[in-house]
Amino acid sequence: ACRVPDAVVATGGGTMLDAENRRRLAAAGPIVCLAAPAEEILRRV
């Protein structure tokens, strides 16, 4: 994903748990975390 120039990249929910992924993604561009309360997530899933 980081090899594709200028991309908008959606990660999986646990992608950032891996230090290598965090480093690579942080170097690629700004990271925007989309958040919601647990009850809202339960409703959505």
All heavy atoms as atom14 arrays in JSON, in Angstrom:
{
  "sequence": "ACRVPDAVVATGGGTMLDAENRRRLAAAGPIVCLAAPAEEILRRV",
  "atom14_mask": [
    [1, 1, 1, 1, 1, 0, 0, 0, 0, 0, 0, 0, 0, 0],
    [1, 1, 1, 1, 1, 1, 0, 0, 0, 0, 0, 0, 0, 0],
    [1, 1, 1, 1, 1, 1, 1, 1, 1, 1, 1, 0, 0, 0],
    [1, 1, 1, 1, 1, 1, 1, 0, 0, 0, 0, 0, 0, 0],
    [1, 1, 1, 1, 1, 1, 1, 0, 0, 0, 0, 0, 0, 0],
    [1, 1, 1, 1, 1, 1, 1, 1, 0, 0, 0, 0, 0, 0],
    [1, 1, 1, 1, 1, 0, 0, 0, 0, 0, 0, 0, 0, 0],
    [1, 1, 1, 1, 1, 1, 1, 0, 0, 0, 0, 0, 0, 0],
    [1, 1, 1, 1, 1, 1, 1, 0, 0, 0, 0, 0, 0, 0],
    [1, 1, 1, 1, 1, 0, 0, 0, 0, 0, 0, 0, 0, 0],
    [1, 1, 1, 1, 1, 1, 1, 0, 0, 0, 0, 0, 0, 0],
    [1, 1, 1, 1, 0, 0, 0, 0, 0, 0, 0, 0, 0, 0],
    [1, 1, 1, 1, 0, 0, 0, 0, 0, 0, 0, 0, 0, 0],
    [1, 1, 1, 1, 0, 0, 0, 0, 0, 0, 0, 0, 0, 0],
    [1, 1, 1, 1, 1, 1, 1, 0, 0, 0, 0, 0, 0, 0],
    [1, 1, 1, 1, 1, 1, 1, 1, 0, 0, 0, 0, 0, 0],
    [1, 1, 1, 1, 1, 1, 1, 1, 0, 0, 0, 0, 0, 0],
    [1, 1, 1, 1, 1, 1, 1, 1, 0, 0, 0, 0, 0, 0],
    [1, 1, 1, 1, 1, 0, 0, 0, 0, 0, 0, 0, 0, 0],
    [1, 1, 1, 1, 1, 1, 1, 1, 1, 0, 0, 0, 0, 0],
    [1, 1, 1, 1, 1, 1, 1, 1, 0, 0, 0, 0, 0, 0],
    [1, 1, 1, 1, 1, 1, 1, 1, 1, 1, 1, 0, 0, 0],
    [1, 1, 1, 1, 1, 1, 1, 1, 1, 1, 1, 0, 0, 0],
    [1, 1, 1, 1, 1, 1, 1, 1, 1, 1, 1, 0, 0, 0],
    [1, 1, 1, 1, 1, 1, 1, 1, 0, 0, 0, 0, 0, 0],
    [1, 1, 1, 1, 1, 0, 0, 0, 0, 0, 0, 0, 0, 0],
    [1, 1, 1, 1, 1, 0, 0, 0, 0, 0, 0, 0, 0, 0],
    [1, 1, 1, 1, 1, 0, 0, 0, 0, 0, 0, 0, 0, 0],
    [1, 1, 1, 1, 0, 0, 0, 0, 0, 0, 0, 0, 0, 0],
    [1, 1, 1, 1, 1, 1, 1, 0, 0, 0, 0, 0, 0, 0],
    [1, 1, 1, 1, 1, 1, 1, 1, 0, 0, 0, 0, 0, 0],
    [1, 1, 1, 1, 1, 1, 1, 0, 0, 0, 0, 0, 0, 0],
    [1, 1, 1, 1, 1, 1, 0, 0, 0, 0, 0, 0, 0, 0],
    [1, 1, 1, 1, 1, 1, 1, 1, 0, 0, 0, 0, 0, 0],
    [1, 1, 1, 1, 1, 0, 0, 0, 0, 0, 0, 0, 0, 0],
    [1, 1, 1, 1, 1, 0, 0, 0, 0, 0, 0, 0, 0, 0],
    [1, 1, 1, 1, 1, 1, 1, 0, 0, 0, 0, 0, 0, 0],
    [1, 1, 1, 1, 1, 0, 0, 0, 0, 0, 0, 0, 0, 0],
    [1, 1, 1, 1, 1, 1, 1, 1, 1, 0, 0, 0, 0, 0],
    [1, 1, 1, 1, 1, 1, 1, 1, 1, 0, 0, 0, 0, 0],
    [1, 1, 1, 1, 1, 1, 1, 1, 0, 0, 0, 0, 0, 0],
    [1, 1, 1, 1, 1, 1, 1, 1, 0, 0, 0, 0, 0, 0],
    [1, 1, 1, 1, 1, 1, 1, 1, 1, 1, 1, 0, 0, 0],
    [1, 1, 1, 1, 1, 1, 1, 1, 1, 1, 1, 0, 0, 0],
    [1, 1, 1, 1, 1, 1, 1, 0, 0, 0, 0, 0, 0, 0]
  ],
  "atom14_positions": [
    [[0.83, -1.21, 0.0], [0.0, 0.0, 0.0], [0.86, 1.26, 0.0], [0.54, 2.24, -0.68], [-0.94, -0.01, 1.2], [0.0, 0.0, 0.0], [0.0, 0.0, 0.0], [0.0, 0.0, 0.0], [0.0, 0.0, 0.0], [0.0, 0.0, 0.0], [0.0, 0.0, 0.0], [0.0, 0.0, 0.0], [0.0, 0.0, 0.0], [0.0, 0.0, 0.0]],
    [[1.94, 1.23, 0.74], [2.81, 2.41, 0.83], [3.59, 2.66, -0.45], [4.1, 3.76, -0.66], [3.74, 2.29, 2.03], [2.88, 2.48, 3.61], [0.0, 0.0, 0.0], [0.0, 0.0, 0.0], [0.0, 0.0, 0.0], [0.0, 0.0, 0.0], [0.0, 0.0, 0.0], [0.0, 0.0, 0.0], [0.0, 0.0, 0.0], [0.0, 0.0, 0.0]],
    [[3.65, 1.68, -1.31], [4.34, 1.84, -2.6], [3.48, 2.57, -3.64], [4.0, 3.03, -4.64], [4.74, 0.47, -3.16], [5.89, -0.15, -2.43], [6.32, -1.44, -3.11], [7.4, -2.05, -2.37], [7.54, -3.35, -2.19], [6.67, -4.19, -2.73], [8.55, -3.83, -1.49], [0.0, 0.0, 0.0], [0.0, 0.0, 0.0], [0.0, 0.0, 0.0]],
    [[2.18, 2.63, -3.42], [1.29, 3.3, -4.36], [1.36, 4.81, -4.08], [0.99, 5.26, -3.0], [-0.16, 2.79, -4.22], [-1.09, 3.53, -5.18], [-0.23, 1.29, -4.45], [0.0, 0.0, 0.0], [0.0, 0.0, 0.0], [0.0, 0.0, 0.0], [0.0, 0.0, 0.0], [0.0, 0.0, 0.0], [0.0, 0.0, 0.0], [0.0, 0.0, 0.0]],
    [[1.83, 5.59, -5.04], [2.01, 7.03, -4.79], [0.7, 7.74, -4.45], [-0.33, 7.49, -5.06], [2.58, 7.56, -6.11], [3.11, 6.36, -6.83], [2.28, 5.2, -6.37], [0.0, 0.0, 0.0], [0.0, 0.0, 0.0], [0.0, 0.0, 0.0], [0.0, 0.0, 0.0], [0.0, 0.0, 0.0], [0.0, 0.0, 0.0], [0.0, 0.0, 0.0]],
    [[0.78, 8.61, -3.45], [-0.32, 9.52, -3.09], [-1.64, 8.84, -2.73], [-2.7, 9.43, -2.89], [-0.58, 10.52, -4.23], [0.65, 11.3, -4.62], [1.48, 11.58, -3.74], [0.79, 11.62, -5.82], [0.0, 0.0, 0.0], [0.0, 0.0, 0.0], [0.0, 0.0, 0.0], [0.0, 0.0, 0.0], [0.0, 0.0, 0.0], [0.0, 0.0, 0.0]],
    [[-1.6, 7.63, -2.25], [-2.83, 6.88, -1.99], [-3.5, 7.29, -0.69], [-2.87, 7.77, 0.25], [-2.52, 5.39, -1.95], [0.0, 0.0, 0.0], [0.0, 0.0, 0.0], [0.0, 0.0, 0.0], [0.0, 0.0, 0.0], [0.0, 0.0, 0.0], [0.0, 0.0, 0.0], [0.0, 0.0, 0.0], [0.0, 0.0, 0.0], [0.0, 0.0, 0.0]],
    [[-4.8, 7.06, -0.66], [-5.56, 7.06, 0.59], [-5.62, 5.59, 1.0], [-6.07, 4.75, 0.22], [-6.98, 7.63, 0.4], [-7.8, 7.49, 1.67], [-6.9, 9.11, -0.04], [0.0, 0.0, 0.0], [0.0, 0.0, 0.0], [0.0, 0.0, 0.0], [0.0, 0.0, 0.0], [0.0, 0.0, 0.0], [0.0, 0.0, 0.0], [0.0, 0.0, 0.0]],
    [[-5.15, 5.29, 2.2], [-5.01, 3.9, 2.65], [-5.89, 3.66, 3.86], [-5.78, 4.36, 4.87], [-3.54, 3.59, 3.01], [-3.4, 2.16, 3.52], [-2.62, 3.83, 1.82], [0.0, 0.0, 0.0], [0.0, 0.0, 0.0], [0.0, 0.0, 0.0], [0.0, 0.0, 0.0], [0.0, 0.0, 0.0], [0.0, 0.0, 0.0], [0.0, 0.0, 0.0]],
    [[-6.78, 2.67, 3.76], [-7.59, 2.24, 4.91], [-6.94, 0.99, 5.49], [-6.74, 0.0, 4.78], [-9.02, 1.94, 4.48], [0.0, 0.0, 0.0], [0.0, 0.0, 0.0], [0.0, 0.0, 0.0], [0.0, 0.0, 0.0], [0.0, 0.0, 0.0], [0.0, 0.0, 0.0], [0.0, 0.0, 0.0], [0.0, 0.0, 0.0], [0.0, 0.0, 0.0]],
    [[-6.58, 1.05, 6.76], [-5.96, -0.09, 7.42], [-7.04, -0.95, 8.08], [-8.17, -0.52, 8.24], [-4.97, 0.36, 8.51], [-5.7, 0.94, 9.59], [-3.95, 1.34, 7.97], [0.0, 0.0, 0.0], [0.0, 0.0, 0.0], [0.0, 0.0, 0.0], [0.0, 0.0, 0.0], [0.0, 0.0, 0.0], [0.0, 0.0, 0.0], [0.0, 0.0, 0.0]],
    [[-6.64, -2.15, 8.48], [-7.51, -2.97, 9.31], [-7.47, -2.42, 10.73], [-6.58, -1.64, 11.09], [0.0, 0.0, 0.0], [0.0, 0.0, 0.0], [0.0, 0.0, 0.0], [0.0, 0.0, 0.0], [0.0, 0.0, 0.0], [0.0, 0.0, 0.0], [0.0, 0.0, 0.0], [0.0, 0.0, 0.0], [0.0, 0.0, 0.0], [0.0, 0.0, 0.0]],
    [[-8.42, -2.82, 11.53], [-8.53, -2.31, 12.9], [-7.33, -2.58, 13.78], [-7.02, -1.82, 14.69], [0.0, 0.0, 0.0], [0.0, 0.0, 0.0], [0.0, 0.0, 0.0], [0.0, 0.0, 0.0], [0.0, 0.0, 0.0], [0.0, 0.0, 0.0], [0.0, 0.0, 0.0], [0.0, 0.0, 0.0], [0.0, 0.0, 0.0], [0.0, 0.0, 0.0]],
    [[-6.6, -3.67, 13.5], [-5.44, -4.01, 14.32], [-4.1, -3.75, 13.66], [-3.05, -4.06, 14.22], [0.0, 0.0, 0.0], [0.0, 0.0, 0.0], [0.0, 0.0, 0.0], [0.0, 0.0, 0.0], [0.0, 0.0, 0.0], [0.0, 0.0, 0.0], [0.0, 0.0, 0.0], [0.0, 0.0, 0.0], [0.0, 0.0, 0.0], [0.0, 0.0, 0.0]],
    [[-4.1, -3.16, 12.48], [-2.86, -2.94, 11.74], [-1.84, -2.17, 12.54], [-0.64, -2.47, 12.51], [-3.16, -2.19, 10.42], [-4.12, -2.93, 9.66], [-1.91, -1.99, 9.59], [0.0, 0.0, 0.0], [0.0, 0.0, 0.0], [0.0, 0.0, 0.0], [0.0, 0.0, 0.0], [0.0, 0.0, 0.0], [0.0, 0.0, 0.0], [0.0, 0.0, 0.0]],
    [[-2.29, -1.18, 13.28], [-1.37, -0.3, 14.0], [-0.76, -0.96, 15.24], [0.14, -0.4, 15.86], [-2.07, 1.0, 14.39], [-2.53, 1.84, 13.21], [-1.18, 2.53, 12.25], [-0.64, 3.8, 13.37], [0.0, 0.0, 0.0], [0.0, 0.0, 0.0], [0.0, 0.0, 0.0], [0.0, 0.0, 0.0], [0.0, 0.0, 0.0], [0.0, 0.0, 0.0]],
    [[-1.21, -2.15, 15.6], [-0.62, -2.85, 16.75], [0.82, -3.28, 16.46], [1.62, -3.42, 17.38], [-1.45, -4.08, 17.12], [-2.85, -3.79, 17.66], [-3.65, -5.09, 17.78], [-2.78, -3.07, 18.99], [0.0, 0.0, 0.0], [0.0, 0.0, 0.0], [0.0, 0.0, 0.0], [0.0, 0.0, 0.0], [0.0, 0.0, 0.0], [0.0, 0.0, 0.0]],
    [[1.14, -3.45, 15.21], [2.47, -3.89, 14.8], [3.39, -2.67, 14.66], [3.1, -1.74, 13.9], [2.36, -4.63, 13.46], [3.7, -5.14, 12.97], [4.06, -6.26, 13.36], [4.36, -4.41, 12.21], [0.0, 0.0, 0.0], [0.0, 0.0, 0.0], [0.0, 0.0, 0.0], [0.0, 0.0, 0.0], [0.0, 0.0, 0.0], [0.0, 0.0, 0.0]],
    [[4.51, -2.68, 15.37], [5.44, -1.54, 15.38], [5.98, -1.23, 13.98], [6.14, -0.06, 13.62], [6.58, -1.79, 16.35], [0.0, 0.0, 0.0], [0.0, 0.0, 0.0], [0.0, 0.0, 0.0], [0.0, 0.0, 0.0], [0.0, 0.0, 0.0], [0.0, 0.0, 0.0], [0.0, 0.0, 0.0], [0.0, 0.0, 0.0], [0.0, 0.0, 0.0]],
    [[6.26, -2.26, 13.2], [6.76, -2.06, 11.83], [5.71, -1.35, 10.99], [6.02, -0.43, 10.22], [7.14, -3.4, 11.22], [7.71, -3.3, 9.82], [8.05, -4.67, 9.25], [8.47, -5.56, 10.01], [7.9, -4.83, 8.03], [0.0, 0.0, 0.0], [0.0, 0.0, 0.0], [0.0, 0.0, 0.0], [0.0, 0.0, 0.0], [0.0, 0.0, 0.0]],
    [[4.45, -1.79, 11.11], [3.36, -1.12, 10.38], [3.23, 0.33, 10.81], [3.06, 1.22, 9.96], [2.03, -1.84, 10.61], [1.95, -3.17, 9.9], [2.7, -3.46, 8.98], [1.03, -4.01, 10.36], [0.0, 0.0, 0.0], [0.0, 0.0, 0.0], [0.0, 0.0, 0.0], [0.0, 0.0, 0.0], [0.0, 0.0, 0.0], [0.0, 0.0, 0.0]],
    [[3.29, 0.59, 12.11], [3.17, 1.97, 12.61], [4.28, 2.84, 12.02], [4.02, 3.95, 11.56], [3.24, 2.02, 14.14], [2.0, 1.57, 14.83], [1.99, 1.96, 16.3], [3.17, 1.57, 17.05], [3.34, 0.39, 17.64], [2.4, -0.54, 17.56], [4.43, 0.13, 18.33], [0.0, 0.0, 0.0], [0.0, 0.0, 0.0], [0.0, 0.0, 0.0]],
    [[5.5, 2.36, 12.05], [6.62, 3.13, 11.53], [6.44, 3.42, 10.05], [6.58, 4.56, 9.59], [7.92, 2.36, 11.77], [9.17, 3.1, 11.27], [10.4, 2.21, 11.23], [10.25, 1.01, 10.42], [10.24, 0.99, 9.08], [10.34, 2.09, 8.39], [10.11, -0.16, 8.44], [0.0, 0.0, 0.0], [0.0, 0.0, 0.0], [0.0, 0.0, 0.0]],
    [[6.11, 2.4, 9.29], [5.98, 2.55, 7.84], [4.82, 3.5, 7.49], [4.97, 4.38, 6.64], [5.74, 1.18, 7.2], [5.81, 1.2, 5.69], [5.7, -0.19, 5.1], [6.63, -1.15, 5.62], [7.92, -1.26, 5.28], [8.43, -0.43, 4.42], [8.68, -2.18, 5.81], [0.0, 0.0, 0.0], [0.0, 0.0, 0.0], [0.0, 0.0, 0.0]],
    [[3.69, 3.34, 8.16], [2.53, 4.19, 7.86], [2.77, 5.63, 8.3], [2.4, 6.57, 7.6], [1.28, 3.6, 8.51], [0.81, 2.28, 7.89], [-0.23, 1.6, 8.78], [0.29, 2.48, 6.47], [0.0, 0.0, 0.0], [0.0, 0.0, 0.0], [0.0, 0.0, 0.0], [0.0, 0.0, 0.0], [0.0, 0.0, 0.0], [0.0, 0.0, 0.0]],
    [[3.4, 5.83, 9.45], [3.69, 7.18, 9.93], [4.63, 7.9, 8.96], [4.51, 9.12, 8.75], [4.28, 7.15, 11.33], [0.0, 0.0, 0.0], [0.0, 0.0, 0.0], [0.0, 0.0, 0.0], [0.0, 0.0, 0.0], [0.0, 0.0, 0.0], [0.0, 0.0, 0.0], [0.0, 0.0, 0.0], [0.0, 0.0, 0.0], [0.0, 0.0, 0.0]],
    [[5.56, 7.16, 8.37], [6.48, 7.75, 7.4], [5.78, 8.09, 6.09], [6.24, 8.95, 5.34], [7.65, 6.8, 7.15], [0.0, 0.0, 0.0], [0.0, 0.0, 0.0], [0.0, 0.0, 0.0], [0.0, 0.0, 0.0], [0.0, 0.0, 0.0], [0.0, 0.0, 0.0], [0.0, 0.0, 0.0], [0.0, 0.0, 0.0], [0.0, 0.0, 0.0]],
    [[4.66, 7.41, 5.8], [3.95, 7.61, 4.54], [3.09, 8.86, 4.51], [2.87, 9.43, 3.44], [3.09, 6.38, 4.23], [0.0, 0.0, 0.0], [0.0, 0.0, 0.0], [0.0, 0.0, 0.0], [0.0, 0.0, 0.0], [0.0, 0.0, 0.0], [0.0, 0.0, 0.0], [0.0, 0.0, 0.0], [0.0, 0.0, 0.0], [0.0, 0.0, 0.0]],
    [[2.58, 9.29, 5.67], [1.71, 10.47, 5.69], [0.93, 10.55, 6.97], [1.1, 9.73, 7.88], [0.0, 0.0, 0.0], [0.0, 0.0, 0.0], [0.0, 0.0, 0.0], [0.0, 0.0, 0.0], [0.0, 0.0, 0.0], [0.0, 0.0, 0.0], [0.0, 0.0, 0.0], [0.0, 0.0, 0.0], [0.0, 0.0, 0.0], [0.0, 0.0, 0.0]],
    [[0.05, 11.55, 7.05], [-0.74, 11.72, 8.27], [-1.66, 10.52, 8.5], [-2.2, 9.95, 7.55], [-1.54, 12.99, 8.03], [-1.58, 13.15, 6.55], [-0.31, 12.53, 6.03], [0.0, 0.0, 0.0], [0.0, 0.0, 0.0], [0.0, 0.0, 0.0], [0.0, 0.0, 0.0], [0.0, 0.0, 0.0], [0.0, 0.0, 0.0], [0.0, 0.0, 0.0]],
    [[-1.8, 10.15, 9.77], [-2.67, 9.04, 10.15], [-3.88, 9.62, 10.85], [-3.75, 10.31, 11.86], [-1.94, 8.05, 11.07], [-0.71, 7.47, 10.34], [-2.89, 6.94, 11.52], [0.18, 6.62, 11.22], [0.0, 0.0, 0.0], [0.0, 0.0, 0.0], [0.0, 0.0, 0.0], [0.0, 0.0, 0.0], [0.0, 0.0, 0.0], [0.0, 0.0, 0.0]],
    [[-5.05, 9.33, 10.32], [-6.31, 9.8, 10.9], [-7.02, 8.59, 11.49], [-7.34, 7.64, 10.78], [-7.21, 10.48, 9.85], [-8.5, 10.97, 10.5], [-6.47, 11.65, 9.18], [0.0, 0.0, 0.0], [0.0, 0.0, 0.0], [0.0, 0.0, 0.0], [0.0, 0.0, 0.0], [0.0, 0.0, 0.0], [0.0, 0.0, 0.0], [0.0, 0.0, 0.0]],
    [[-7.25, 8.65, 12.79], [-7.97, 7.58, 13.48], [-9.46, 7.91, 13.5], [-9.86, 8.96, 14.01], [-7.43, 7.43, 14.91], [-8.25, 6.1, 15.82], [0.0, 0.0, 0.0], [0.0, 0.0, 0.0], [0.0, 0.0, 0.0], [0.0, 0.0, 0.0], [0.0, 0.0, 0.0], [0.0, 0.0, 0.0], [0.0, 0.0, 0.0], [0.0, 0.0, 0.0]],
    [[-10.26, 7.01, 12.95], [-11.72, 7.15, 13.03], [-12.16, 6.4, 14.26], [-11.81, 5.24, 14.45], [-12.37, 6.59, 11.76], [-11.92, 7.22, 10.45], [-12.71, 6.64, 9.28], [-12.03, 8.74, 10.48], [0.0, 0.0, 0.0], [0.0, 0.0, 0.0], [0.0, 0.0, 0.0], [0.0, 0.0, 0.0], [0.0, 0.0, 0.0], [0.0, 0.0, 0.0]],
    [[-12.92, 7.08, 15.11], [-13.3, 6.52, 16.41], [-14.81, 6.53, 16.58], [-15.53, 7.29, 15.92], [-12.64, 7.34, 17.53], [0.0, 0.0, 0.0], [0.0, 0.0, 0.0], [0.0, 0.0, 0.0], [0.0, 0.0, 0.0], [0.0, 0.0, 0.0], [0.0, 0.0, 0.0], [0.0, 0.0, 0.0], [0.0, 0.0, 0.0], [0.0, 0.0, 0.0]],
    [[-15.27, 5.68, 17.49], [-16.69, 5.63, 17.87], [-16.76, 4.91, 19.21], [-15.91, 4.08, 19.52], [-17.52, 4.9, 16.82], [0.0, 0.0, 0.0], [0.0, 0.0, 0.0], [0.0, 0.0, 0.0], [0.0, 0.0, 0.0], [0.0, 0.0, 0.0], [0.0, 0.0, 0.0], [0.0, 0.0, 0.0], [0.0, 0.0, 0.0], [0.0, 0.0, 0.0]],
    [[-17.79, 5.22, 20.01], [-17.96, 4.5, 21.28], [-18.3, 3.03, 21.04], [-18.83, 2.65, 19.99], [-19.15, 5.21, 21.93], [-19.37, 6.47, 21.17], [-18.78, 6.26, 19.81], [0.0, 0.0, 0.0], [0.0, 0.0, 0.0], [0.0, 0.0, 0.0], [0.0, 0.0, 0.0], [0.0, 0.0, 0.0], [0.0, 0.0, 0.0], [0.0, 0.0, 0.0]],
    [[-17.99, 2.2, 22.02], [-18.22, 0.76, 21.91], [-19.67, 0.42, 21.55], [-19.91, -0.47, 20.73], [-17.82, 0.07, 23.22], [0.0, 0.0, 0.0], [0.0, 0.0, 0.0], [0.0, 0.0, 0.0], [0.0, 0.0, 0.0], [0.0, 0.0, 0.0], [0.0, 0.0, 0.0], [0.0, 0.0, 0.0], [0.0, 0.0, 0.0], [0.0, 0.0, 0.0]],
    [[-20.62, 1.11, 22.14], [-22.03, 0.84, 21.87], [-22.38, 1.12, 20.41], [-23.16, 0.4, 19.79], [-22.93, 1.66, 22.8], [-22.79, 1.31, 24.27], [-21.53, 1.9, 24.94], [-20.85, 2.77, 24.34], [-21.23, 1.46, 26.06], [0.0, 0.0, 0.0], [0.0, 0.0, 0.0], [0.0, 0.0, 0.0], [0.0, 0.0, 0.0], [0.0, 0.0, 0.0]],
    [[-21.81, 2.18, 19.85], [-22.03, 2.52, 18.45], [-21.4, 1.47, 17.54], [-21.99, 1.06, 16.54], [-21.45, 3.9, 18.14], [-21.54, 4.33, 16.69], [-22.93, 4.74, 16.25], [-23.86, 4.8, 17.08], [-23.1, 4.99, 15.05], [0.0, 0.0, 0.0], [0.0, 0.0, 0.0], [0.0, 0.0, 0.0], [0.0, 0.0, 0.0], [0.0, 0.0, 0.0]],
    [[-20.22, 1.01, 17.89], [-19.55, -0.04, 17.11], [-20.39, -1.31, 17.13], [-20.61, -1.93, 16.08], [-18.13, -0.28, 17.65], [-17.24, 0.94, 17.33], [-17.54, -1.57, 17.08], [-15.92, 0.97, 18.06], [0.0, 0.0, 0.0], [0.0, 0.0, 0.0], [0.0, 0.0, 0.0], [0.0, 0.0, 0.0], [0.0, 0.0, 0.0], [0.0, 0.0, 0.0]],
    [[-20.89, -1.7, 18.3], [-21.74, -2.89, 18.4], [-22.97, -2.74, 17.5], [-23.34, -3.68, 16.78], [-22.17, -3.13, 19.85], [-23.1, -4.33, 20.06], [-22.44, -5.63, 19.66], [-23.58, -4.37, 21.51], [0.0, 0.0, 0.0], [0.0, 0.0, 0.0], [0.0, 0.0, 0.0], [0.0, 0.0, 0.0], [0.0, 0.0, 0.0], [0.0, 0.0, 0.0]],
    [[-23.58, -1.59, 17.52], [-24.76, -1.35, 16.69], [-24.4, -1.5, 15.21], [-25.13, -2.11, 14.43], [-25.33, 0.05, 16.95], [-26.63, 0.33, 16.21], [-27.1, 1.77, 16.36], [-26.22, 2.73, 15.74], [-26.08, 2.91, 14.42], [-26.76, 2.17, 13.57], [-25.28, 3.84, 13.93], [0.0, 0.0, 0.0], [0.0, 0.0, 0.0], [0.0, 0.0, 0.0]],
    [[-23.24, -0.99, 14.82], [-22.83, -1.04, 13.42], [-22.47, -2.45, 12.97], [-22.78, -2.83, 11.84], [-21.63, -0.11, 13.18], [-21.99, 1.35, 13.28], [-20.75, 2.22, 13.11], [-21.03, 3.62, 13.31], [-20.12, 4.57, 13.28], [-18.84, 4.26, 13.04], [-20.45, 5.83, 13.48], [0.0, 0.0, 0.0], [0.0, 0.0, 0.0], [0.0, 0.0, 0.0]],
    [[-21.79, -3.23, 13.81], [-21.41, -4.58, 13.38], [-22.58, -5.54, 13.47], [-22.61, -6.54, 12.76], [-20.19, -5.16, 14.15], [-18.96, -4.32, 13.94], [-20.48, -5.37, 15.61], [0.0, 0.0, 0.0], [0.0, 0.0, 0.0], [0.0, 0.0, 0.0], [0.0, 0.0, 0.0], [0.0, 0.0, 0.0], [0.0, 0.0, 0.0], [0.0, 0.0, 0.0]]
  ]
}
